Protein backbone atom coordinates (compact mmCIF):
# COMPACT_ATOMS: atom_id res chain seq x y z
CA MET A 1 -9.59 -15.78 25.51
CA ALA A 2 -6.18 -16.89 23.50
CA ARG A 3 -3.72 -14.52 25.42
CA ILE A 4 -6.00 -15.75 28.47
CA SER A 5 -5.09 -19.22 28.63
CA ASN A 6 -1.85 -19.37 27.27
CA GLY A 7 -0.58 -16.58 30.12
CA LEU A 8 -2.27 -18.92 33.10
CA ILE A 9 -0.71 -21.48 32.12
CA GLY A 10 2.49 -20.56 31.64
CA PHE A 11 1.85 -18.73 35.80
CA LEU A 12 0.39 -22.00 37.02
CA ASN A 13 3.41 -24.06 36.21
CA ILE A 14 6.10 -20.86 37.02
CA LEU A 15 3.75 -22.09 40.36
CA ILE A 16 4.83 -26.20 39.43
CA LEU A 17 8.48 -25.30 38.86
CA LEU A 18 9.12 -23.59 42.15
CA PHE A 19 7.34 -26.23 44.35
CA SER A 20 9.97 -28.87 41.85
CA PHE A 21 12.54 -26.91 43.32
CA VAL A 22 11.32 -27.40 46.74
CA VAL A 23 10.31 -30.76 46.29
CA ILE A 24 14.04 -31.52 45.20
CA GLY A 25 15.38 -29.83 47.95
CA VAL A 26 13.78 -31.95 50.48
CA GLY A 27 15.45 -34.78 49.00
CA ALA A 28 18.36 -34.04 48.65
CA TYR A 29 18.51 -32.91 52.55
CA PHE A 30 17.54 -36.81 52.94
CA SER A 31 20.28 -37.16 51.31
CA LEU A 32 22.85 -35.12 53.15
CA GLN A 33 21.51 -34.87 56.41
CA SER A 34 19.82 -38.20 57.26
CA SER A 35 21.66 -40.80 59.58
CA ALA A 36 19.51 -43.55 58.99
CA ASP A 37 18.94 -46.03 56.01
CA CYS A 38 15.05 -45.62 56.67
CA GLU A 39 15.03 -42.13 56.18
CA ARG A 40 17.85 -41.84 53.19
CA PHE A 41 15.64 -44.06 51.31
CA LEU A 42 13.39 -41.44 50.45
CA GLN A 43 15.58 -39.21 49.04
CA TRP A 44 15.32 -40.86 45.47
CA PRO A 45 11.46 -41.04 45.10
CA VAL A 46 11.27 -37.19 46.51
CA ILE A 47 14.08 -36.73 43.54
CA ILE A 48 12.84 -37.70 41.00
CA ILE A 49 9.09 -36.58 41.55
CA GLY A 50 10.69 -32.97 41.64
CA ILE A 51 12.92 -33.67 38.11
CA PHE A 52 9.62 -34.93 36.41
CA LEU A 53 8.06 -31.52 37.45
CA LEU A 54 10.47 -29.60 36.90
CA VAL A 55 10.95 -30.98 33.29
CA VAL A 56 6.94 -30.81 32.61
CA SER A 57 6.81 -27.37 34.15
CA LEU A 58 9.21 -26.16 31.54
CA PHE A 59 7.81 -27.79 29.13
CA GLY A 60 4.04 -25.86 30.06
CA ILE A 61 6.37 -22.74 29.92
CA LEU A 62 7.72 -22.92 26.77
CA GLY A 63 4.87 -24.45 24.74
CA SER A 64 2.32 -22.11 26.67
CA CYS A 65 4.70 -19.10 26.46
CA CYS A 66 6.32 -19.52 23.52
CA ARG A 67 3.46 -20.99 21.44
CA ILE A 68 4.91 -24.12 20.67
CA SER A 69 2.89 -26.49 20.08
CA PHE A 70 4.66 -29.73 20.15
CA PHE A 71 5.86 -28.86 23.36
CA LEU A 72 2.40 -28.71 24.56
CA TRP A 73 1.51 -32.20 23.48
CA ILE A 74 4.66 -33.07 25.59
CA TYR A 75 3.23 -31.14 28.30
CA LEU A 76 -0.14 -32.48 28.34
CA PHE A 77 0.90 -35.98 27.84
CA ALA A 78 2.74 -35.77 30.99
CA MET A 79 -0.13 -34.84 32.91
CA PHE A 80 -2.03 -36.86 31.60
CA LEU A 81 -0.19 -40.15 32.89
CA LEU A 82 0.56 -37.76 36.40
CA ILE A 83 -3.11 -37.38 36.37
CA LEU A 84 -4.15 -41.29 36.20
CA ALA A 85 -0.68 -42.50 37.99
CA MET A 86 -2.30 -40.08 41.30
CA LEU A 87 -5.90 -41.26 41.11
CA PHE A 88 -4.48 -44.48 40.94
CA SER A 89 -2.67 -44.36 43.75
CA THR A 90 -4.90 -41.80 45.87
CA VAL A 91 -7.97 -44.65 45.29
CA PHE A 92 -5.40 -48.09 45.80
CA VAL A 93 -4.36 -46.42 49.34
CA PHE A 94 -7.67 -45.50 50.65
CA ILE A 95 -9.07 -49.34 49.38
CA VAL A 96 -5.66 -50.80 51.65
CA THR A 97 -5.70 -48.62 54.48
CA ASN A 98 -10.04 -49.42 54.94
CA LYS A 99 -9.28 -52.30 57.30
CA GLY A 100 -7.62 -52.89 60.96
CA VAL A 101 -8.05 -50.65 64.59
CA GLY A 102 -6.79 -50.66 66.95
CA ASP A 103 -8.18 -52.71 70.20
CA VAL A 104 -9.61 -50.76 73.17
CA ILE A 105 -8.38 -52.33 76.09
CA SER A 106 -9.69 -51.96 79.92
CA GLY A 107 -8.17 -49.80 82.05
CA ARG A 108 -5.15 -48.84 79.58
CA GLY A 109 -4.74 -45.49 78.10
CA TYR A 110 -3.37 -47.37 74.36
CA LYS A 111 -4.76 -49.50 72.58
CA GLU A 112 -3.05 -52.63 71.17
CA TYR A 113 -3.23 -53.87 67.56
CA ARG A 114 -3.83 -57.46 65.73
CA LEU A 115 -1.81 -57.82 62.21
CA GLY A 116 -4.87 -60.04 61.36
CA ASP A 117 -7.10 -57.07 61.26
CA TYR A 118 -5.53 -55.32 58.33
CA SER A 119 -5.79 -56.01 54.43
CA SER A 120 -3.77 -58.86 52.94
CA TRP A 121 -1.76 -56.55 50.87
CA LEU A 122 -0.70 -55.07 53.83
CA GLN A 123 -0.07 -58.03 56.18
CA LYS A 124 1.92 -59.78 53.39
CA GLU A 125 4.49 -56.23 52.69
CA VAL A 126 5.49 -56.44 56.67
CA GLY A 127 5.32 -60.76 56.28
CA ASN A 128 8.53 -60.33 54.05
CA TYR A 129 11.49 -61.11 55.96
CA LYS A 130 13.75 -58.47 53.12
CA THR A 131 10.90 -55.22 53.87
CA TRP A 132 10.66 -56.45 58.03
CA SER A 133 14.68 -56.45 58.45
CA LYS A 134 14.92 -53.12 56.96
CA ILE A 135 11.35 -51.88 58.95
CA GLU A 136 13.21 -53.72 61.87
CA SER A 137 16.08 -51.72 61.47
CA CYS A 138 14.09 -48.51 61.20
CA LEU A 139 12.81 -48.54 64.69
CA ARG A 140 16.09 -49.14 66.23
CA THR A 141 17.77 -46.78 64.50
CA ALA A 142 14.72 -44.18 65.74
CA LYS A 143 14.76 -45.37 68.88
CA VAL A 144 11.49 -45.49 69.20
CA CYS A 145 11.37 -47.61 72.85
CA HIS A 146 13.91 -45.24 74.26
CA GLY A 147 11.52 -42.88 75.44
CA PHE A 148 10.25 -44.62 77.26
CA THR A 149 13.51 -43.48 79.80
CA ALA A 150 11.26 -40.64 82.26
CA LYS A 151 8.66 -43.87 82.39
CA GLU A 152 10.81 -46.60 83.55
CA LEU A 153 10.13 -45.51 87.79
CA ALA A 154 6.80 -44.80 87.25
CA SER A 155 4.36 -47.69 88.70
CA ALA A 156 2.39 -49.95 86.78
CA ASN A 157 -1.19 -47.63 87.12
CA GLU A 158 0.57 -44.96 85.93
CA PHE A 159 2.38 -46.78 82.67
CA TYR A 160 -0.66 -48.39 82.25
CA LYS A 161 -2.50 -45.27 81.88
CA LYS A 162 0.37 -43.77 79.63
CA ASN A 163 -1.28 -42.34 75.92
CA LEU A 164 1.06 -45.14 73.71
CA SER A 165 1.86 -44.28 69.76
CA PRO A 166 1.16 -47.20 67.68
CA THR A 167 4.47 -48.66 67.83
CA GLN A 168 5.27 -48.14 70.94
CA SER A 169 2.26 -50.31 71.97
CA GLY A 170 3.13 -53.07 69.35
CA CYS A 171 6.75 -53.04 69.89
CA CYS A 172 8.42 -51.98 73.17
CA LYS A 173 5.97 -54.40 75.41
CA PRO A 174 4.63 -57.63 75.18
CA PRO A 175 0.83 -57.53 74.63
CA THR A 176 -1.42 -57.53 77.29
CA TYR A 177 -3.19 -60.52 77.16
CA CYS A 178 0.08 -62.52 77.74
CA GLY A 179 -0.27 -61.78 81.35
CA TYR A 180 3.46 -60.98 81.54
CA ASP A 181 4.09 -58.96 84.83
CA TYR A 182 4.97 -55.52 84.77
CA VAL A 183 9.11 -54.28 86.04
CA ASN A 184 9.59 -51.36 83.72
CA ALA A 185 8.22 -49.85 80.28
CA THR A 186 10.57 -52.07 78.55
CA TYR A 187 10.82 -54.73 81.41
CA TRP A 188 8.50 -57.71 82.07
CA ASP A 189 8.48 -60.63 84.42
CA THR A 190 7.14 -63.91 82.68
CA PRO A 191 4.47 -65.50 85.93
CA LYS A 192 4.90 -67.74 88.17
CA THR A 193 2.39 -70.26 87.02
CA GLY A 194 4.06 -69.26 82.56
CA VAL A 195 1.69 -66.97 79.99
CA LYS A 196 -1.44 -67.09 79.60
CA THR A 197 -1.29 -67.96 75.92
CA THR A 198 1.00 -69.84 73.75
CA ASP A 199 0.73 -67.23 70.94
CA VAL A 200 3.83 -66.97 69.12
CA ASP A 201 4.28 -63.25 70.14
CA CYS A 202 4.12 -64.27 74.53
CA LYS A 203 6.89 -66.13 73.03
CA ALA A 204 9.12 -63.46 70.70
CA TRP A 205 8.71 -61.52 73.82
CA SER A 206 12.28 -60.40 75.21
CA ASN A 207 13.51 -58.49 77.79
CA ASP A 208 16.65 -57.95 76.18
CA GLN A 209 16.57 -53.99 74.67
CA GLU A 210 17.61 -54.49 71.61
CA LYS A 211 14.90 -57.94 70.41
CA LEU A 212 11.72 -56.58 73.25
CA CYS A 213 8.84 -57.30 70.60
CA TYR A 214 10.33 -56.19 67.73
CA GLY A 215 9.96 -59.69 66.43
CA CYS A 216 6.20 -59.17 67.83
CA ASN A 217 2.93 -59.37 64.82
CA SER A 218 1.48 -56.75 67.05
CA CYS A 219 4.58 -54.81 66.38
CA LYS A 220 3.68 -54.90 62.80
CA ALA A 221 0.13 -53.99 63.31
CA GLY A 222 1.64 -51.47 65.10
CA VAL A 223 3.55 -50.01 62.07
CA LEU A 224 1.20 -50.77 59.97
CA ALA A 225 -1.47 -49.19 62.11
CA THR A 226 1.00 -45.53 61.71
CA MET A 227 1.37 -46.10 57.98
CA LYS A 228 -2.42 -46.07 57.84
CA THR A 229 -2.55 -42.77 59.38
CA LYS A 230 -0.03 -40.82 57.56
CA TRP A 231 -1.06 -42.67 53.92
CA LYS A 232 -4.53 -41.21 54.17
CA GLU A 233 -3.51 -38.24 55.33
CA ILE A 234 -1.10 -38.34 51.99
CA ALA A 235 -4.06 -39.66 50.25
CA ILE A 236 -6.04 -36.87 51.10
CA PHE A 237 -3.27 -34.47 50.32
CA ASN A 238 -2.87 -35.98 46.52
CA VAL A 239 -7.08 -35.35 46.05
CA VAL A 240 -6.12 -31.98 46.23
CA LEU A 241 -3.07 -31.53 43.43
CA ILE A 242 -6.11 -34.21 41.55
CA VAL A 243 -8.16 -31.59 41.24
CA PHE A 244 -5.64 -28.27 41.15
CA PHE A 245 -3.80 -30.69 38.33
CA VAL A 246 -7.19 -31.42 36.38
CA PHE A 247 -8.10 -27.28 36.74
CA VAL A 248 -4.20 -27.03 35.09
CA TYR A 249 -4.60 -30.11 33.05
CA THR A 250 -8.26 -28.27 31.18
CA VAL A 251 -6.28 -24.56 31.12
CA GLY A 252 -3.36 -26.79 29.27
CA CYS A 253 -6.17 -27.69 26.61
CA CYS A 254 -7.24 -24.67 26.20
CA ALA A 255 -3.86 -23.23 25.54
CA MET A 256 -2.83 -26.04 22.83
CA LYS A 257 -6.55 -25.29 20.91
CA ASN A 258 -5.61 -21.85 20.86
CA ASN A 259 -1.99 -22.10 19.74
CA ARG A 260 -3.88 -24.65 16.91
CA SER A 261 -6.30 -21.57 15.91
CA ASP A 262 -3.25 -18.48 16.02
CA LYS A 263 -1.58 -21.07 13.15
CA TYR A 264 -4.47 -21.74 11.34
CA ARG A 265 -4.82 -17.86 11.49
CA ARG A 266 -1.53 -17.32 10.46
CA GLN A 267 -1.10 -19.41 7.93
CA PHE A 268 -4.33 -18.68 5.98
CA TYR A 269 -5.17 -15.02 6.92
CA GLY A 270 -1.36 -13.81 7.46
CA TYR A 271 -1.99 -13.02 11.06
CA ARG A 272 0.19 -12.08 13.81
């Protein structure tokens, strides 16, 4: 039984070691291939996670295969912290993404989004000037509104039937309730009678292709809607990882117990 648990923890950590190489490789890819700041900022968190998994897995392999209890103690402590951190972050993501759904607009193939529908924490994050300036720069770099090229010649009715992404719906056109007249996907005329409301988003809209509705609350809401979907996908993946790491941690505890038993037998009975 002792051999099995030590061998299993060694095998599992070899898998984690290989996975860490993949994670570090992804971080290096972001560093070398990405030209946009919004992609490059991912490189260090990804690389740090990869290095952490690499070091922890090495402690696990040495501690189990070489039966070094000190390394196993370090390994189990690090795994315990990792599980706690992942559990906390997963619960946090589910809490902050619990609110916020798009409004269905009659006669439209897309939804529209309101910033006030999302959690106060998310609103505060995108409401921070420095944070939003970086996001806004990323949106321009990613050219999220330039994908309308093929739609610009479409009629208003054809455009209204399009299934726009939350970011496109919030950032690339004025909100429907403003009452702007459609010219093309990213150019809208002000009605002769003026806009229907004094909402800040209606005033923020600009036909300047570098501005559009990037400064609108609807754009921030569209970004949050996209983040909500992505974060929930990551959170679900985290749940799977947590189950896996708990299993690895349990096997590691058995291996630690076996190391101590073997040490006791060698000291008192002369077994090898």
